[in-house]
Structures are given as structure tokens and as C-alpha cells.
Amino acid sequence: MPLVPREPGREDWLGEDEVIRAWRVRRAALHRVAELGAVPYELRGGRSRGTYGAEPTYRCFAPDDVRRVADALRDGTLDPDPSWRTDTPEGREAERRERRSGRLVDGLFFGPVLLLVLGALLYGWLAR
């Protein structure tokens, strides 16, 4: 969906967390559901911080369209993949798989780092 300029007089656009709660979708599938429902968005953030990089960029969604898609999801006229939802067994299983793989990656990275730190401490203690 194309970037839409903010219209004066309209209510504030909704952030990703609000839309996730309204649609009961997984964060990983938010943008796919928004595209499926043709919900316009605007990009915010991204201002330069000079030598410190830039602010994060995030999307805000048009509130009228968020309500329209929430109603369509509720009455079944918009039917995304069940694994995209948080209120289906497929979606809950996909969420569990993502958490499990995240823990695995954390363990594969932080395990060796922890061993190196403990080894250095033990070496320093024994070298006295």
C-alpha cells in the first residue's frame, strides 16, 4: 500500500502495537494483513541523529481503515492465513516456533561468550 500523507483534522493514526491488538495478528504478519486489507500507512521517525545514526522508522496506520479491517476480520470477509492470527492454533504454534528459534539463537551466541568470560576469569584467578 502506498505511503499516504496525513490529512489535517483526522484523528491520530494508530501505531503498530495498537493495530496488532485490534486485529489479533502476529507482529511478523502485521504488514501482510495490512496489504491484504489495503490499509494505508505513513512512515514516522528516521530523523538523523548526526554521528549517532538515525531514529528507527515505524509505520502508523489510518484509524478508519484499521476499524474496517478489524470488522472484516471479525465477520470473516477478510480471511488471512490462519498462521498470521494470534487467536488460532496455527498462529499460536507459529509464535511458539519463533520464540523457540530466538532462544536457540540466543543460546548459540551467548553460550560461547559466557564460556569465554568465565574462562578468562578462571585463568586470571589461577594465574595469581
N, C-alpha and C. Protein backbone atom coordinates (compact mmCIF):
# COMPACT_ATOMS: atom_id res chain seq x y z
N MET A 1 0.86 -1.18 0.00
CA MET A 1 0.00 0.00 0.00
C MET A 1 0.90 1.24 0.00
N PRO A 2 0.58 2.24 -0.77
CA PRO A 2 1.44 3.42 -0.86
C PRO A 2 1.41 4.26 0.41
N LEU A 3 2.44 5.03 0.54
CA LEU A 3 2.54 5.98 1.64
C LEU A 3 1.50 7.07 1.43
N VAL A 4 0.74 7.40 2.48
CA VAL A 4 -0.34 8.38 2.36
C VAL A 4 -0.03 9.56 3.26
N PRO A 5 -0.10 10.79 2.74
CA PRO A 5 0.16 11.94 3.60
C PRO A 5 -0.95 12.10 4.64
N ARG A 6 -0.58 12.61 5.78
CA ARG A 6 -1.53 12.80 6.86
C ARG A 6 -2.50 13.94 6.53
N GLU A 7 -3.76 13.69 6.76
CA GLU A 7 -4.77 14.70 6.46
C GLU A 7 -5.06 15.51 7.72
N PRO A 8 -5.11 16.85 7.62
CA PRO A 8 -5.44 17.64 8.79
C PRO A 8 -6.89 17.38 9.23
N GLY A 9 -7.12 17.38 10.52
CA GLY A 9 -8.45 17.18 11.05
C GLY A 9 -8.82 15.73 11.28
N ARG A 10 -8.03 14.80 10.78
CA ARG A 10 -8.31 13.38 11.04
C ARG A 10 -7.73 13.00 12.39
N GLU A 11 -8.30 11.98 13.01
CA GLU A 11 -7.77 11.54 14.29
C GLU A 11 -6.38 10.95 14.11
N ASP A 12 -5.64 10.88 15.21
CA ASP A 12 -4.26 10.37 15.14
C ASP A 12 -4.22 8.97 14.57
N TRP A 13 -3.20 8.72 13.79
CA TRP A 13 -3.03 7.41 13.21
C TRP A 13 -2.56 6.45 14.28
N LEU A 14 -2.80 5.16 14.09
CA LEU A 14 -2.52 4.16 15.10
C LEU A 14 -1.15 3.52 14.88
N GLY A 15 -0.45 3.28 15.99
CA GLY A 15 0.84 2.61 15.93
C GLY A 15 0.68 1.11 15.75
N GLU A 16 1.79 0.45 15.49
CA GLU A 16 1.76 -0.98 15.22
C GLU A 16 1.20 -1.79 16.39
N ASP A 17 1.55 -1.44 17.62
CA ASP A 17 1.06 -2.21 18.77
C ASP A 17 -0.47 -2.14 18.88
N GLU A 18 -1.03 -0.96 18.63
CA GLU A 18 -2.49 -0.81 18.69
C GLU A 18 -3.17 -1.63 17.60
N VAL A 19 -2.59 -1.65 16.42
CA VAL A 19 -3.17 -2.39 15.31
C VAL A 19 -3.07 -3.89 15.56
N ILE A 20 -1.96 -4.34 16.11
CA ILE A 20 -1.79 -5.76 16.43
C ILE A 20 -2.87 -6.21 17.41
N ARG A 21 -3.15 -5.40 18.43
CA ARG A 21 -4.20 -5.75 19.39
C ARG A 21 -5.58 -5.73 18.74
N ALA A 22 -5.84 -4.75 17.89
CA ALA A 22 -7.17 -4.63 17.26
C ALA A 22 -7.44 -5.78 16.29
N TRP A 23 -6.42 -6.21 15.56
CA TRP A 23 -6.62 -7.25 14.55
C TRP A 23 -6.33 -8.65 15.06
N ARG A 24 -5.69 -8.76 16.22
CA ARG A 24 -5.26 -10.04 16.77
C ARG A 24 -4.40 -10.81 15.78
N VAL A 25 -3.34 -10.13 15.33
CA VAL A 25 -2.39 -10.75 14.40
C VAL A 25 -1.00 -10.75 15.02
N ARG A 26 -0.16 -11.63 14.52
CA ARG A 26 1.21 -11.68 14.99
C ARG A 26 1.99 -10.51 14.40
N ARG A 27 2.96 -10.02 15.14
CA ARG A 27 3.76 -8.88 14.70
C ARG A 27 4.43 -9.18 13.34
N ALA A 28 4.88 -10.41 13.16
CA ALA A 28 5.55 -10.78 11.91
C ALA A 28 4.61 -10.70 10.71
N ALA A 29 3.31 -10.78 10.92
CA ALA A 29 2.35 -10.78 9.81
C ALA A 29 1.58 -9.47 9.68
N LEU A 30 1.88 -8.50 10.51
CA LEU A 30 1.11 -7.25 10.51
C LEU A 30 1.08 -6.60 9.14
N HIS A 31 2.22 -6.47 8.51
CA HIS A 31 2.27 -5.75 7.23
C HIS A 31 1.59 -6.54 6.11
N ARG A 32 1.64 -7.87 6.20
CA ARG A 32 0.94 -8.68 5.19
C ARG A 32 -0.57 -8.52 5.32
N VAL A 33 -1.08 -8.48 6.55
CA VAL A 33 -2.53 -8.29 6.75
C VAL A 33 -2.92 -6.89 6.31
N ALA A 34 -2.08 -5.90 6.60
CA ALA A 34 -2.37 -4.53 6.16
C ALA A 34 -2.44 -4.45 4.64
N GLU A 35 -1.54 -5.13 3.96
CA GLU A 35 -1.58 -5.15 2.49
C GLU A 35 -2.83 -5.87 1.99
N LEU A 36 -3.18 -6.97 2.64
CA LEU A 36 -4.37 -7.73 2.26
C LEU A 36 -5.63 -6.88 2.40
N GLY A 37 -5.68 -6.05 3.45
CA GLY A 37 -6.83 -5.19 3.69
C GLY A 37 -6.72 -3.82 3.06
N ALA A 38 -5.64 -3.55 2.32
CA ALA A 38 -5.42 -2.26 1.65
C ALA A 38 -5.49 -1.09 2.63
N VAL A 39 -4.75 -1.21 3.73
CA VAL A 39 -4.72 -0.17 4.75
C VAL A 39 -3.55 0.76 4.49
N PRO A 40 -3.81 2.05 4.27
CA PRO A 40 -2.71 3.00 4.04
C PRO A 40 -1.94 3.25 5.33
N TYR A 41 -0.72 3.70 5.17
CA TYR A 41 0.13 3.98 6.33
C TYR A 41 0.99 5.19 6.03
N GLU A 42 1.59 5.71 7.10
CA GLU A 42 2.61 6.74 6.94
C GLU A 42 3.83 6.32 7.73
N LEU A 43 4.98 6.67 7.23
CA LEU A 43 6.23 6.36 7.93
C LEU A 43 6.56 7.50 8.88
N ARG A 44 6.99 7.15 10.07
CA ARG A 44 7.42 8.15 11.04
C ARG A 44 8.80 7.78 11.54
N GLY A 45 9.46 8.75 12.14
CA GLY A 45 10.81 8.52 12.64
C GLY A 45 11.81 8.66 11.51
N GLY A 46 12.99 8.12 11.72
CA GLY A 46 14.01 8.13 10.70
C GLY A 46 14.82 9.41 10.62
N ARG A 47 14.58 10.35 11.55
CA ARG A 47 15.38 11.59 11.52
C ARG A 47 16.82 11.29 11.87
N SER A 48 17.70 12.05 11.29
CA SER A 48 19.12 11.86 11.52
C SER A 48 19.50 12.28 12.93
N ARG A 49 20.38 11.51 13.54
CA ARG A 49 20.94 11.86 14.85
C ARG A 49 22.41 12.24 14.71
N GLY A 50 22.79 12.66 13.53
CA GLY A 50 24.18 13.03 13.28
C GLY A 50 25.09 11.83 13.34
N THR A 51 26.12 11.91 14.16
CA THR A 51 27.07 10.80 14.24
C THR A 51 26.49 9.58 14.95
N TYR A 52 25.30 9.73 15.54
CA TYR A 52 24.68 8.62 16.26
C TYR A 52 23.71 7.83 15.39
N GLY A 53 23.72 8.05 14.09
CA GLY A 53 22.84 7.30 13.19
C GLY A 53 21.51 7.99 13.00
N ALA A 54 20.45 7.20 12.93
CA ALA A 54 19.11 7.75 12.69
C ALA A 54 18.12 7.09 13.63
N GLU A 55 17.00 7.78 13.86
CA GLU A 55 15.93 7.21 14.67
C GLU A 55 15.34 6.01 13.93
N PRO A 56 14.75 5.08 14.67
CA PRO A 56 14.07 3.97 14.00
C PRO A 56 12.89 4.48 13.18
N THR A 57 12.59 3.80 12.10
CA THR A 57 11.44 4.13 11.28
C THR A 57 10.32 3.14 11.59
N TYR A 58 9.11 3.63 11.75
CA TYR A 58 7.98 2.75 12.02
C TYR A 58 6.77 3.25 11.25
N ARG A 59 5.78 2.39 11.13
CA ARG A 59 4.57 2.71 10.38
C ARG A 59 3.41 3.04 11.31
N CYS A 60 2.60 4.00 10.89
CA CYS A 60 1.34 4.32 11.56
C CYS A 60 0.22 4.11 10.55
N PHE A 61 -0.89 3.60 11.00
CA PHE A 61 -1.97 3.20 10.12
C PHE A 61 -3.19 4.10 10.30
N ALA A 62 -3.94 4.29 9.21
CA ALA A 62 -5.14 5.11 9.21
C ALA A 62 -6.22 4.45 10.08
N PRO A 63 -6.75 5.17 11.07
CA PRO A 63 -7.68 4.55 12.03
C PRO A 63 -8.98 4.05 11.40
N ASP A 64 -9.53 4.77 10.43
CA ASP A 64 -10.77 4.32 9.80
C ASP A 64 -10.56 2.98 9.09
N ASP A 65 -9.43 2.86 8.42
CA ASP A 65 -9.15 1.62 7.71
C ASP A 65 -8.82 0.48 8.67
N VAL A 66 -8.19 0.80 9.80
CA VAL A 66 -7.92 -0.23 10.80
C VAL A 66 -9.24 -0.79 11.33
N ARG A 67 -10.20 0.09 11.60
CA ARG A 67 -11.53 -0.37 12.05
C ARG A 67 -12.22 -1.21 10.98
N ARG A 68 -12.12 -0.78 9.73
CA ARG A 68 -12.74 -1.52 8.63
C ARG A 68 -12.18 -2.93 8.54
N VAL A 69 -10.86 -3.07 8.63
CA VAL A 69 -10.22 -4.39 8.56
C VAL A 69 -10.55 -5.21 9.80
N ALA A 70 -10.60 -4.57 10.97
CA ALA A 70 -10.95 -5.30 12.20
C ALA A 70 -12.36 -5.89 12.07
N ASP A 71 -13.29 -5.11 11.53
CA ASP A 71 -14.65 -5.61 11.31
C ASP A 71 -14.65 -6.75 10.29
N ALA A 72 -13.88 -6.60 9.21
CA ALA A 72 -13.81 -7.64 8.18
C ALA A 72 -13.19 -8.92 8.73
N LEU A 73 -12.20 -8.80 9.60
CA LEU A 73 -11.60 -9.99 10.22
C LEU A 73 -12.61 -10.66 11.15
N ARG A 74 -13.36 -9.84 11.88
CA ARG A 74 -14.33 -10.37 12.83
C ARG A 74 -15.45 -11.12 12.12
N ASP A 75 -15.98 -10.55 11.02
CA ASP A 75 -17.11 -11.20 10.36
C ASP A 75 -16.70 -12.19 9.27
N GLY A 76 -15.39 -12.35 9.03
CA GLY A 76 -14.89 -13.37 8.13
C GLY A 76 -14.81 -12.97 6.66
N THR A 77 -15.09 -11.72 6.33
CA THR A 77 -15.00 -11.31 4.92
C THR A 77 -13.55 -11.13 4.48
N LEU A 78 -12.66 -10.91 5.42
CA LEU A 78 -11.22 -10.88 5.15
C LEU A 78 -10.63 -12.07 5.87
N ASP A 79 -10.04 -12.98 5.13
CA ASP A 79 -9.57 -14.24 5.70
C ASP A 79 -8.08 -14.43 5.45
N PRO A 80 -7.23 -13.90 6.35
CA PRO A 80 -5.78 -14.11 6.18
C PRO A 80 -5.39 -15.53 6.54
N ASP A 81 -4.17 -15.87 6.24
CA ASP A 81 -3.63 -17.18 6.61
C ASP A 81 -3.80 -17.37 8.11
N PRO A 82 -4.30 -18.52 8.56
CA PRO A 82 -4.51 -18.74 10.00
C PRO A 82 -3.24 -18.60 10.83
N SER A 83 -2.06 -18.87 10.23
CA SER A 83 -0.82 -18.75 11.00
C SER A 83 -0.45 -17.30 11.27
N TRP A 84 -1.13 -16.36 10.64
CA TRP A 84 -0.88 -14.93 10.88
C TRP A 84 -1.63 -14.43 12.10
N ARG A 85 -2.64 -15.16 12.56
CA ARG A 85 -3.51 -14.70 13.65
C ARG A 85 -2.99 -15.15 15.01
N THR A 86 -3.35 -14.44 16.05
CA THR A 86 -2.98 -14.86 17.41
C THR A 86 -4.10 -15.65 18.07
N ASP A 87 -5.27 -15.68 17.44
CA ASP A 87 -6.42 -16.37 18.03
C ASP A 87 -6.73 -17.69 17.34
N THR A 88 -5.74 -18.27 16.64
CA THR A 88 -5.90 -19.58 16.02
C THR A 88 -4.80 -20.51 16.51
N PRO A 89 -5.05 -21.82 16.51
CA PRO A 89 -3.99 -22.76 16.92
C PRO A 89 -2.75 -22.66 16.03
N GLU A 90 -2.94 -22.43 14.72
CA GLU A 90 -1.80 -22.31 13.81
C GLU A 90 -0.95 -21.09 14.16
N GLY A 91 -1.60 -19.98 14.48
CA GLY A 91 -0.89 -18.76 14.84
C GLY A 91 -0.13 -18.90 16.14
N ARG A 92 -0.77 -19.55 17.13
CA ARG A 92 -0.09 -19.75 18.41
C ARG A 92 1.13 -20.66 18.24
N GLU A 93 0.99 -21.69 17.38
CA GLU A 93 2.13 -22.59 17.13
C GLU A 93 3.25 -21.86 16.41
N ALA A 94 2.92 -21.01 15.45
CA ALA A 94 3.95 -20.23 14.74
C ALA A 94 4.67 -19.29 15.71
N GLU A 95 3.92 -18.71 16.63
CA GLU A 95 4.52 -17.83 17.64
C GLU A 95 5.47 -18.61 18.54
N ARG A 96 5.06 -19.81 18.95
CA ARG A 96 5.93 -20.66 19.78
C ARG A 96 7.21 -21.03 19.03
N ARG A 97 7.09 -21.37 17.75
CA ARG A 97 8.28 -21.71 16.95
C ARG A 97 9.24 -20.53 16.87
N GLU A 98 8.71 -19.33 16.67
CA GLU A 98 9.56 -18.15 16.60
C GLU A 98 10.28 -17.90 17.91
N ARG A 99 9.57 -18.03 19.03
CA ARG A 99 10.21 -17.85 20.33
C ARG A 99 11.29 -18.89 20.56
N ARG A 100 10.99 -20.15 20.21
CA ARG A 100 11.95 -21.23 20.39
C ARG A 100 13.21 -20.99 19.56
N SER A 101 13.04 -20.59 18.30
CA SER A 101 14.21 -20.35 17.46
C SER A 101 14.99 -19.14 17.96
N GLY A 102 14.31 -18.15 18.53
CA GLY A 102 15.00 -16.99 19.11
C GLY A 102 15.85 -17.40 20.30
N ARG A 103 15.31 -18.29 21.13
CA ARG A 103 16.08 -18.77 22.28
C ARG A 103 17.29 -19.58 21.83
N LEU A 104 17.11 -20.35 20.75
CA LEU A 104 18.22 -21.14 20.23
C LEU A 104 19.34 -20.23 19.73
N VAL A 105 18.98 -19.19 19.01
CA VAL A 105 19.98 -18.24 18.50
C VAL A 105 20.68 -17.55 19.67
N ASP A 106 19.90 -17.13 20.67
CA ASP A 106 20.49 -16.51 21.85
C ASP A 106 21.48 -17.46 22.52
N GLY A 107 21.10 -18.71 22.67
CA GLY A 107 21.97 -19.69 23.30
C GLY A 107 23.24 -19.94 22.51
N LEU A 108 23.10 -19.99 21.18
CA LEU A 108 24.28 -20.22 20.35
C LEU A 108 25.25 -19.05 20.36
N PHE A 109 24.73 -17.85 20.58
CA PHE A 109 25.60 -16.68 20.64
C PHE A 109 26.14 -16.45 22.05
N PHE A 110 25.25 -16.41 23.04
CA PHE A 110 25.66 -16.04 24.39
C PHE A 110 26.37 -17.17 25.13
N GLY A 111 26.12 -18.43 24.75
CA GLY A 111 26.80 -19.55 25.39
C GLY A 111 28.31 -19.45 25.27
N PRO A 112 28.83 -19.34 24.04
CA PRO A 112 30.29 -19.22 23.90
C PRO A 112 30.84 -17.94 24.53
N VAL A 113 30.11 -16.86 24.47
CA VAL A 113 30.58 -15.61 25.10
C VAL A 113 30.70 -15.81 26.61
N LEU A 114 29.72 -16.45 27.20
CA LEU A 114 29.75 -16.71 28.64
C LEU A 114 30.93 -17.63 28.98
N LEU A 115 31.16 -18.64 28.16
CA LEU A 115 32.30 -19.53 28.42
C LEU A 115 33.62 -18.79 28.32
N LEU A 116 33.75 -17.89 27.35
CA LEU A 116 34.98 -17.10 27.22
C LEU A 116 35.21 -16.22 28.45
N VAL A 117 34.15 -15.57 28.92
CA VAL A 117 34.28 -14.70 30.09
C VAL A 117 34.64 -15.51 31.32
N LEU A 118 33.96 -16.63 31.52
CA LEU A 118 34.27 -17.47 32.68
C LEU A 118 35.69 -18.04 32.58
N GLY A 119 36.09 -18.43 31.36
CA GLY A 119 37.45 -18.94 31.17
C GLY A 119 38.49 -17.87 31.48
N ALA A 120 38.24 -16.63 31.04
CA ALA A 120 39.18 -15.54 31.32
C ALA A 120 39.24 -15.25 32.81
N LEU A 121 38.11 -15.28 33.49
CA LEU A 121 38.10 -15.06 34.93
C LEU A 121 38.85 -16.18 35.66
N LEU A 122 38.61 -17.41 35.26
CA LEU A 122 39.28 -18.53 35.88
C LEU A 122 40.79 -18.49 35.62
N TYR A 123 41.18 -18.15 34.41
CA TYR A 123 42.59 -18.03 34.06
C TYR A 123 43.25 -16.93 34.91
N GLY A 124 42.58 -15.80 35.04
CA GLY A 124 43.11 -14.70 35.85
C GLY A 124 43.26 -15.10 37.31
N TRP A 125 42.30 -15.87 37.83
CA TRP A 125 42.32 -16.29 39.21
C TRP A 125 43.44 -17.31 39.45
N LEU A 126 43.61 -18.23 38.50
CA LEU A 126 44.65 -19.26 38.65
C LEU A 126 46.05 -18.73 38.38
N ALA A 127 46.17 -17.66 37.64
CA ALA A 127 47.50 -17.10 37.28
C ALA A 127 48.08 -16.28 38.42
N ARG A 128 47.37 -16.05 39.48
CA ARG A 128 47.90 -15.24 40.58
C ARG A 128 49.02 -15.89 41.26
